Amino acid sequence: MSLGKRTGGLLLMLCGFAAIATARIWAQSAAPEEQSQSQSQPSALPSGQDQRQSDPQSPKTPGQTPTPQTSNEGPKNEEPQKDESGNPVQAVAVMTKDAATAGLLRARDWESGWIAGVYVGRRRMLVTLTASQRREIYLRQTLITPEAYMKRMFGAGIDQARGVPPQWDDGWAGYLERFASREGQFITANTLAYIGNAKLGYEVRYDQCKCKGWPRVKHAVMRNFLTYDRSEDNLRPQWALYGGAFAGGLVATSWKPRSQSALVNAGWGVVGQAVYGTVLNLVTEFSREINRKQGVK
């Protein structure tokens, strides 16, 4: 396989990632822009109605006629109303600037974005999940959010650059095979882990440590292998998580090249979960510090 073809395919894939991320930031910034537009439009009454409310009439008595108003005050009352309306071009420019700034801040604030995922902050208590909450987390992590697919796209890009497995092409066809393989293995592993954790009543979210210093690192590594039971107090091994990773590797052997061993592939699935889960926990644990380095409060 030629190195140029692999590099070209990887560059095209990274361009696709950039396009997806740009579209997502644009979609997120559209809602605040619409909200600010609706808030910036004043609900003014007609000029005639304003004049009637600001000029109270004197009580009428029989035989008296109301005193006619002079026309000298008319032009004086119209000029302030024109000044209050403001410049629409300037208002649109300010709203566009505010929406762009908010979009950039959300793009940097990936603490609650696609890398960290769902977790419980250090100032919150763990509360046992309901069945509907478990299902929602499973769908968000597996199927219905862009993040669920972008991570597998990135992993497939690494496999494409390494040429693994070598039996697959190094062009777009090979990349699609690698992405489909990773996605199928991930969905299998996550589905089995979801079923197992639901039956056992185990916690599926990461909880940030309430400690300080190096114990936070220990907590992040430990929580990749241990989780809480229904009491949210007692730690138990992550049977469902690693059982799902092992089974996902076994199932993926059915569509991979014949040279792949089922047990070896399943073993690599467990190793991948151990490494990837630990890195993810560390990033989530220190996400606040990472955000501060990026200028996010």
Protein backbone atom coordinates (compact mmCIF):
# COMPACT_ATOMS: atom_id res chain seq x y z
CA MET A 1 0.00 0.00 0.00
CA SER A 2 1.31 3.44 -0.92
CA LEU A 3 1.97 5.93 1.85
CA GLY A 4 0.71 8.77 -0.35
CA LYS A 5 -2.71 7.17 -0.76
CA ARG A 6 -3.03 6.62 2.99
CA THR A 7 -1.99 10.20 3.76
CA GLY A 8 -4.39 11.57 1.18
CA GLY A 9 -7.26 9.51 2.57
CA LEU A 10 -6.46 10.66 6.10
CA LEU A 11 -6.41 14.32 5.02
CA LEU A 12 -9.80 13.94 3.32
CA MET A 13 -11.19 12.35 6.45
CA LEU A 14 -9.90 15.22 8.64
CA CYS A 15 -11.54 17.71 6.27
CA GLY A 16 -14.81 15.86 6.77
CA PHE A 17 -14.39 16.09 10.54
CA ALA A 18 -13.84 19.84 10.26
CA ALA A 19 -16.97 20.25 8.15
CA ILE A 20 -19.09 18.29 10.65
CA ALA A 21 -17.74 20.28 13.61
CA THR A 22 -18.36 23.60 11.80
CA ALA A 23 -21.95 22.60 11.00
CA ARG A 24 -22.58 21.66 14.62
CA ILE A 25 -21.21 24.97 15.96
CA TRP A 26 -23.38 26.86 13.44
CA ALA A 27 -26.49 24.91 14.53
CA GLN A 28 -25.78 25.60 18.19
CA SER A 29 -25.31 29.34 17.61
CA ALA A 30 -28.54 29.67 15.60
CA ALA A 31 -30.84 29.26 18.64
CA PRO A 32 -29.27 32.07 20.75
CA GLU A 33 -29.30 34.35 17.70
CA GLU A 34 -33.02 33.83 17.15
CA GLN A 35 -33.70 34.37 20.84
CA SER A 36 -31.73 37.62 20.91
CA GLN A 37 -33.57 38.85 17.83
CA SER A 38 -36.95 38.25 19.46
CA GLN A 39 -35.84 40.01 22.64
CA SER A 40 -34.40 43.04 20.82
CA GLN A 41 -37.71 43.99 19.11
CA PRO A 42 -39.60 46.47 21.36
CA SER A 43 -43.37 46.18 21.53
CA ALA A 44 -44.25 49.84 20.85
CA LEU A 45 -47.78 51.13 20.69
CA PRO A 46 -49.00 53.24 17.75
CA SER A 47 -48.11 56.92 17.97
CA GLY A 48 -51.74 57.94 18.23
CA GLN A 49 -52.35 55.59 21.15
CA ASP A 50 -49.23 56.82 22.95
CA GLN A 51 -50.40 60.38 22.55
CA ARG A 52 -53.82 59.58 23.98
CA GLN A 53 -52.32 57.93 27.04
CA SER A 54 -49.80 60.68 27.74
CA ASP A 55 -52.32 63.52 27.34
CA PRO A 56 -55.14 63.05 29.89
CA GLN A 57 -58.36 64.88 29.06
CA SER A 58 -59.95 67.29 31.50
CA PRO A 59 -63.46 66.45 32.72
CA LYS A 60 -66.23 67.77 30.53
CA THR A 61 -69.04 69.94 31.90
CA PRO A 62 -72.30 70.76 30.19
CA GLY A 63 -72.03 73.76 27.97
CA GLN A 64 -68.25 73.54 27.66
CA THR A 65 -66.37 72.43 24.63
CA PRO A 66 -62.97 70.85 24.86
CA THR A 67 -60.10 73.18 24.24
CA PRO A 68 -58.51 72.34 20.89
CA GLN A 69 -54.90 71.29 21.04
CA THR A 70 -52.36 73.37 19.29
CA SER A 71 -50.34 71.87 16.51
CA ASN A 72 -47.02 73.20 17.78
CA GLU A 73 -46.35 70.12 19.94
CA GLY A 74 -46.84 67.61 17.14
CA PRO A 75 -43.41 67.78 15.47
CA LYS A 76 -41.71 67.87 18.90
CA ASN A 77 -43.26 64.53 19.94
CA GLU A 78 -42.29 62.71 16.73
CA GLU A 79 -38.55 63.35 16.92
CA PRO A 80 -37.86 61.33 20.13
CA GLN A 81 -39.78 58.38 18.71
CA LYS A 82 -37.46 58.24 15.72
CA ASP A 83 -34.42 58.36 17.98
CA GLU A 84 -35.71 55.47 20.16
CA SER A 85 -36.10 53.14 17.20
CA GLY A 86 -32.31 52.81 16.81
CA ASN A 87 -30.25 51.74 13.81
CA PRO A 88 -31.40 48.28 12.59
CA VAL A 89 -28.09 47.61 10.82
CA GLN A 90 -26.15 48.25 14.03
CA ALA A 91 -28.53 46.06 16.03
CA VAL A 92 -28.08 43.17 13.61
CA ALA A 93 -24.28 43.57 13.74
CA VAL A 94 -24.30 43.44 17.56
CA MET A 95 -26.52 40.36 17.60
CA THR A 96 -24.31 38.61 15.04
CA LYS A 97 -21.20 39.37 17.08
CA ASP A 98 -22.81 38.08 20.30
CA ALA A 99 -23.99 34.88 18.58
CA ALA A 100 -20.53 34.24 17.11
CA THR A 101 -18.87 34.78 20.49
CA ALA A 102 -21.31 32.40 22.19
CA GLY A 103 -20.70 29.78 19.50
CA LEU A 104 -16.92 29.97 19.95
CA LEU A 105 -17.25 29.67 23.72
CA ARG A 106 -19.42 26.58 23.33
CA ALA A 107 -16.92 25.11 20.90
CA ARG A 108 -14.14 25.53 23.47
CA ASP A 109 -16.26 24.45 26.40
CA TRP A 110 -16.05 20.76 25.54
CA GLU A 111 -16.37 19.81 29.21
CA SER A 112 -19.98 18.86 28.46
CA GLY A 113 -19.28 18.07 24.82
CA TRP A 114 -18.54 15.00 22.77
CA ILE A 115 -15.27 14.01 24.52
CA ALA A 116 -16.35 14.00 28.16
CA GLY A 117 -19.86 12.69 27.57
CA VAL A 118 -22.27 12.15 30.48
CA TYR A 119 -20.79 12.43 33.98
CA VAL A 120 -21.62 13.62 37.50
CA GLY A 121 -19.82 16.71 38.78
CA ARG A 122 -17.87 16.75 42.00
CA ARG A 123 -20.45 18.95 43.70
CA ARG A 124 -23.35 16.61 42.93
CA MET A 125 -24.48 13.40 44.57
CA LEU A 126 -24.96 10.15 42.68
CA VAL A 127 -28.64 9.23 42.43
CA THR A 128 -29.76 5.83 41.16
CA LEU A 129 -30.82 6.00 37.52
CA THR A 130 -34.32 5.10 36.42
CA ALA A 131 -34.95 2.79 33.47
CA SER A 132 -35.82 5.69 31.18
CA GLN A 133 -32.68 7.58 32.19
CA ARG A 134 -30.53 4.53 31.46
CA ARG A 135 -32.15 4.18 28.05
CA GLU A 136 -31.58 7.85 27.24
CA ILE A 137 -27.89 7.65 28.17
CA TYR A 138 -27.48 4.49 26.09
CA LEU A 139 -29.07 6.09 23.02
CA ARG A 140 -27.02 9.26 23.38
CA GLN A 141 -23.76 7.37 23.74
CA THR A 142 -24.51 4.84 21.00
CA LEU A 143 -26.88 6.01 18.28
CA ILE A 144 -28.58 9.42 18.30
CA THR A 145 -25.76 11.96 18.70
CA PRO A 146 -22.99 12.92 16.24
CA GLU A 147 -20.37 12.22 18.91
CA ALA A 148 -21.24 8.50 18.84
CA TYR A 149 -20.12 8.33 15.20
CA MET A 150 -17.28 10.87 15.15
CA LYS A 151 -15.24 8.86 17.66
CA ARG A 152 -15.48 5.78 15.45
CA MET A 153 -14.63 7.89 12.40
CA PHE A 154 -11.46 9.03 14.15
CA GLY A 155 -10.57 5.46 15.13
CA ALA A 156 -11.17 4.27 11.58
CA GLY A 157 -8.81 7.00 10.37
CA ILE A 158 -6.07 5.66 12.64
CA ASP A 159 -6.66 2.14 11.30
CA GLN A 160 -6.53 3.54 7.76
CA ALA A 161 -3.17 5.21 8.39
CA ARG A 162 -1.78 2.01 9.93
CA GLY A 163 -3.23 -0.16 7.18
CA VAL A 164 -5.02 -2.45 9.66
CA PRO A 165 -6.24 -4.95 8.64
CA PRO A 166 -3.95 -5.17 5.58
CA GLN A 167 -6.52 -7.10 3.54
CA TRP A 168 -8.72 -4.02 3.21
CA ASP A 169 -8.12 -1.33 0.60
CA ASP A 170 -6.29 1.90 1.43
CA GLY A 171 -8.83 4.11 -0.37
CA TRP A 172 -12.30 5.29 0.55
CA ALA A 173 -13.72 1.79 0.22
CA GLY A 174 -11.26 0.52 2.82
CA TYR A 175 -11.97 3.44 5.11
CA LEU A 176 -15.71 2.74 4.99
CA GLU A 177 -15.04 -0.93 5.81
CA ARG A 178 -12.91 0.04 8.81
CA PHE A 179 -15.49 2.57 10.02
CA ALA A 180 -18.34 0.06 9.66
CA SER A 181 -16.30 -2.56 11.50
CA ARG A 182 -15.54 -0.26 14.41
CA GLU A 183 -19.12 1.00 14.56
CA GLY A 184 -20.56 -2.50 14.54
CA GLN A 185 -18.19 -3.67 17.27
CA PHE A 186 -18.95 -0.59 19.37
CA ILE A 187 -22.74 -0.93 19.06
CA THR A 188 -22.51 -4.61 19.99
CA ALA A 189 -20.31 -3.95 23.03
CA ASN A 190 -22.33 -0.95 24.24
CA THR A 191 -25.66 -2.73 23.83
CA LEU A 192 -24.53 -5.75 25.82
CA ALA A 193 -23.02 -3.50 28.50
CA TYR A 194 -26.28 -1.55 28.70
CA ILE A 195 -28.31 -4.74 29.20
CA GLY A 196 -25.89 -6.11 31.79
CA ASN A 197 -25.67 -2.89 33.81
CA ALA A 198 -29.45 -2.53 33.77
CA LYS A 199 -29.89 -6.06 35.14
CA LEU A 200 -27.21 -5.61 37.80
CA GLY A 201 -28.25 -2.05 38.66
CA TYR A 202 -24.71 -0.73 38.17
CA GLU A 203 -23.84 2.93 37.64
CA VAL A 204 -22.92 3.82 34.05
CA ARG A 205 -21.80 7.43 34.62
CA TYR A 206 -18.40 8.65 35.73
CA ASP A 207 -18.39 10.70 38.92
CA GLN A 208 -15.69 13.30 39.43
CA CYS A 209 -13.64 12.86 42.58
CA LYS A 210 -14.39 15.15 45.52
CA CYS A 211 -10.73 14.94 46.50
CA LYS A 212 -7.72 17.06 45.48
CA GLY A 213 -4.30 16.35 44.03
CA TRP A 214 -3.02 12.93 42.96
CA PRO A 215 -5.95 10.99 44.47
CA ARG A 216 -7.97 12.33 41.54
CA VAL A 217 -5.76 10.38 39.14
CA LYS A 218 -6.18 7.24 41.22
CA HIS A 219 -9.94 7.75 41.25
CA ALA A 220 -10.10 8.18 37.46
CA VAL A 221 -8.12 5.00 36.81
CA MET A 222 -9.99 2.99 39.45
CA ARG A 223 -13.43 3.97 38.14
CA ASN A 224 -12.64 2.45 34.76
CA PHE A 225 -12.50 -0.98 36.43
CA LEU A 226 -14.94 -0.51 39.32
CA THR A 227 -18.40 1.04 39.52
CA TYR A 228 -21.17 1.50 42.06
CA ASP A 229 -24.09 -0.82 42.64
CA ARG A 230 -27.70 0.23 43.26
CA SER A 231 -26.78 1.80 46.59
CA GLU A 232 -24.39 4.23 44.83
CA ASP A 233 -22.00 3.50 47.68
CA ASN A 234 -20.50 0.02 47.26
CA LEU A 235 -17.94 -0.57 44.49
CA ARG A 236 -18.24 -3.59 42.19
CA PRO A 237 -16.16 -4.82 39.21
CA GLN A 238 -17.23 -3.56 35.78
CA TRP A 239 -18.49 -6.98 34.68
CA ALA A 240 -20.96 -5.69 32.12
CA LEU A 241 -18.60 -3.13 30.59
CA TYR A 242 -15.72 -5.53 29.96
CA GLY A 243 -18.03 -8.44 29.18
CA GLY A 244 -19.56 -6.30 26.43
CA ALA A 245 -16.11 -5.32 25.13
CA PHE A 246 -15.07 -9.00 24.98
CA ALA A 247 -18.28 -10.05 23.23
CA GLY A 248 -18.02 -7.14 20.79
CA GLY A 249 -14.57 -8.35 19.74
CA LEU A 250 -15.89 -11.87 19.24
CA VAL A 251 -18.79 -10.69 17.07
CA ALA A 252 -16.55 -8.41 14.98
CA THR A 253 -14.49 -11.44 13.93
CA SER A 254 -17.42 -12.58 11.77
CA TRP A 255 -16.93 -9.74 9.27
CA LYS A 256 -13.19 -9.21 9.57
CA PRO A 257 -10.66 -11.08 7.36
CA ARG A 258 -10.26 -14.79 8.01
CA SER A 259 -6.79 -14.34 9.47
CA GLN A 260 -8.31 -12.67 12.55
CA SER A 261 -8.53 -14.91 15.61
CA ALA A 262 -11.76 -14.59 17.59
CA LEU A 263 -10.10 -14.77 21.01
CA VAL A 264 -7.31 -12.41 20.02
CA ASN A 265 -9.79 -9.92 18.61
CA ALA A 266 -11.91 -10.19 21.78
CA GLY A 267 -8.81 -9.69 23.92
CA TRP A 268 -7.90 -6.55 22.00
CA GLY A 269 -11.43 -5.31 22.61
CA VAL A 270 -10.88 -5.63 26.37
CA VAL A 271 -7.48 -3.93 26.14
CA GLY A 272 -8.97 -1.12 24.08
CA GLN A 273 -11.67 -0.54 26.68
CA ALA A 274 -9.09 -0.46 29.47
CA VAL A 275 -6.91 2.11 27.69
CA TYR A 276 -9.66 4.22 26.14
CA GLY A 277 -11.79 4.21 29.31
CA THR A 278 -8.87 5.31 31.48
CA VAL A 279 -7.93 8.17 29.15
CA LEU A 280 -11.56 9.28 28.93
CA ASN A 281 -11.93 9.28 32.73
CA LEU A 282 -8.74 11.33 33.13
CA VAL A 283 -9.93 13.89 30.59
CA THR A 284 -13.33 14.11 32.30
CA GLU A 285 -11.77 14.38 35.75
CA PHE A 286 -9.51 17.28 34.79
CA SER A 287 -11.86 18.90 32.26
CA ARG A 288 -12.24 22.00 34.41
CA GLU A 289 -8.51 22.61 34.47
CA ILE A 290 -8.26 21.95 30.74
CA ASN A 291 -11.05 24.43 30.09
CA ARG A 292 -9.24 27.07 32.13
CA LYS A 293 -6.14 26.58 30.01
CA GLN A 294 -8.31 27.31 26.97
CA GLY A 295 -9.75 30.46 28.55
CA VAL A 296 -13.15 29.02 29.47
CA LYS A 297 -14.43 30.04 32.89
